[in-house]
Amino acid sequence: MNIVLIEPFFSGSHKQWALGYKKYSKYNIEILSLKGIFWKWRMHGGALTLSKMFNEYLKKK
């Protein structure tokens, strides 16, 4: 199974959780993320950037 993990704030505990999930999962995990800065903007506006990243990812598949 392929899983795309989308993380708008890739820092601290969010980053450690995502990397741990990828490392120990029996599934193929692809992480699409934004830098862990400007928390409020990431929560409000990050969806636009992440949706573009996801569409680019799908084009490669």
C-alpha atoms as a PDB file:
ATOM      1  CA  MET A   1       0.000   0.000   0.000  1.00  0.00           C
ATOM      2  CA  ASN A   2       1.217   3.503  -0.834  1.00  0.00           C
ATOM      3  CA  ILE A   3       0.480   6.323   1.607  1.00  0.00           C
ATOM      4  CA  VAL A   4       1.060  10.033   1.069  1.00  0.00           C
ATOM      5  CA  LEU A   5       1.541  11.787   4.397  1.00  0.00           C
ATOM      6  CA  ILE A   6       0.850  15.518   4.115  1.00  0.00           C
ATOM      7  CA  GLU A   7       2.439  17.634   6.852  1.00  0.00           C
ATOM      8  CA  PRO A   8       2.153  21.448   6.762  1.00  0.00           C
ATOM      9  CA  PHE A   9       4.525  22.006   9.712  1.00  0.00           C
ATOM     10  CA  PHE A  10       7.517  19.665   9.321  1.00  0.00           C
ATOM     11  CA  SER A  11       9.438  20.454  12.502  1.00  0.00           C
ATOM     12  CA  GLY A  12       9.832  19.204  16.061  1.00  0.00           C
ATOM     13  CA  SER A  13       7.392  16.505  17.130  1.00  0.00           C
ATOM     14  CA  HIS A  14       5.507  16.656  13.818  1.00  0.00           C
ATOM     15  CA  LYS A  15       8.717  15.842  11.945  1.00  0.00           C
ATOM     16  CA  GLN A  16       9.766  13.083  14.351  1.00  0.00           C
ATOM     17  CA  TRP A  17       6.332  11.442  14.165  1.00  0.00           C
ATOM     18  CA  ALA A  18       6.259  11.530  10.346  1.00  0.00           C
ATOM     19  CA  LEU A  19       9.794  10.162   9.978  1.00  0.00           C
ATOM     20  CA  GLY A  20       9.144   7.466  12.590  1.00  0.00           C
ATOM     21  CA  TYR A  21       5.929   6.440  10.861  1.00  0.00           C
ATOM     22  CA  LYS A  22       7.773   6.197   7.536  1.00  0.00           C
ATOM     23  CA  LYS A  23      10.680   4.268   9.051  1.00  0.00           C
ATOM     24  CA  TYR A  24       8.645   1.682  10.954  1.00  0.00           C
ATOM     25  CA  SER A  25       5.655   1.277   8.648  1.00  0.00           C
ATOM     26  CA  LYS A  26       5.336  -1.823   6.501  1.00  0.00           C
ATOM     27  CA  TYR A  27       3.841   0.420   3.814  1.00  0.00           C
ATOM     28  CA  ASN A  28       5.479   2.744   1.316  1.00  0.00           C
ATOM     29  CA  ILE A  29       5.208   6.233   2.839  1.00  0.00           C
ATOM     30  CA  GLU A  30       5.830   9.420   0.843  1.00  0.00           C
ATOM     31  CA  ILE A  31       6.038  12.627   2.897  1.00  0.00           C
ATOM     32  CA  LEU A  32       4.927  15.912   1.359  1.00  0.00           C
ATOM     33  CA  SER A  33       5.753  18.716   3.755  1.00  0.00           C
ATOM     34  CA  LEU A  34       6.408  22.385   4.282  1.00  0.00           C
ATOM     35  CA  LYS A  35       9.113  23.855   6.500  1.00  0.00           C
ATOM     36  CA  GLY A  36       8.314  24.187  10.170  1.00  0.00           C
ATOM     37  CA  ILE A  37       8.169  27.981  10.202  1.00  0.00           C
ATOM     38  CA  PHE A  38       5.339  30.546  10.242  1.00  0.00           C
ATOM     39  CA  TRP A  39       2.945  28.198  12.028  1.00  0.00           C
ATOM     40  CA  LYS A  40      -0.195  30.314  11.636  1.00  0.00           C
ATOM     41  CA  TRP A  41       0.317  30.777   7.888  1.00  0.00           C
ATOM     42  CA  ARG A  42       0.984  27.066   7.407  1.00  0.00           C
ATOM     43  CA  MET A  43      -2.317  26.175   9.050  1.00  0.00           C
ATOM     44  CA  HIS A  44      -4.286  28.703   6.985  1.00  0.00           C
ATOM     45  CA  GLY A  45      -2.501  28.968   3.630  1.00  0.00           C
ATOM     46  CA  GLY A  46      -0.397  25.837   3.457  1.00  0.00           C
ATOM     47  CA  ALA A  47      -3.179  23.851   1.790  1.00  0.00           C
ATOM     48  CA  LEU A  48      -2.660  25.737  -1.475  1.00  0.00           C
ATOM     49  CA  THR A  49       1.036  24.919  -1.632  1.00  0.00           C
ATOM     50  CA  LEU A  50       0.538  21.338  -0.472  1.00  0.00           C
ATOM     51  CA  SER A  51      -2.201  20.728  -3.048  1.00  0.00           C
ATOM     52  CA  LYS A  52       0.193  21.840  -5.794  1.00  0.00           C
ATOM     53  CA  MET A  53       2.864  19.521  -4.391  1.00  0.00           C
ATOM     54  CA  PHE A  54       0.357  16.655  -4.291  1.00  0.00           C
ATOM     55  CA  ASN A  55      -0.698  17.255  -7.916  1.00  0.00           C
ATOM     56  CA  GLU A  56       2.971  17.232  -8.993  1.00  0.00           C
ATOM     57  CA  TYR A  57       3.489  14.004  -7.056  1.00  0.00           C
ATOM     58  CA  LEU A  58       0.512  12.400  -8.836  1.00  0.00           C
ATOM     59  CA  LYS A  59       1.866  13.430 -12.253  1.00  0.00           C
ATOM     60  CA  LYS A  60       5.110  11.558 -11.507  1.00  0.00           C
ATOM     61  CA  LYS A  61       3.236   8.348 -10.639  1.00  0.00           C
END
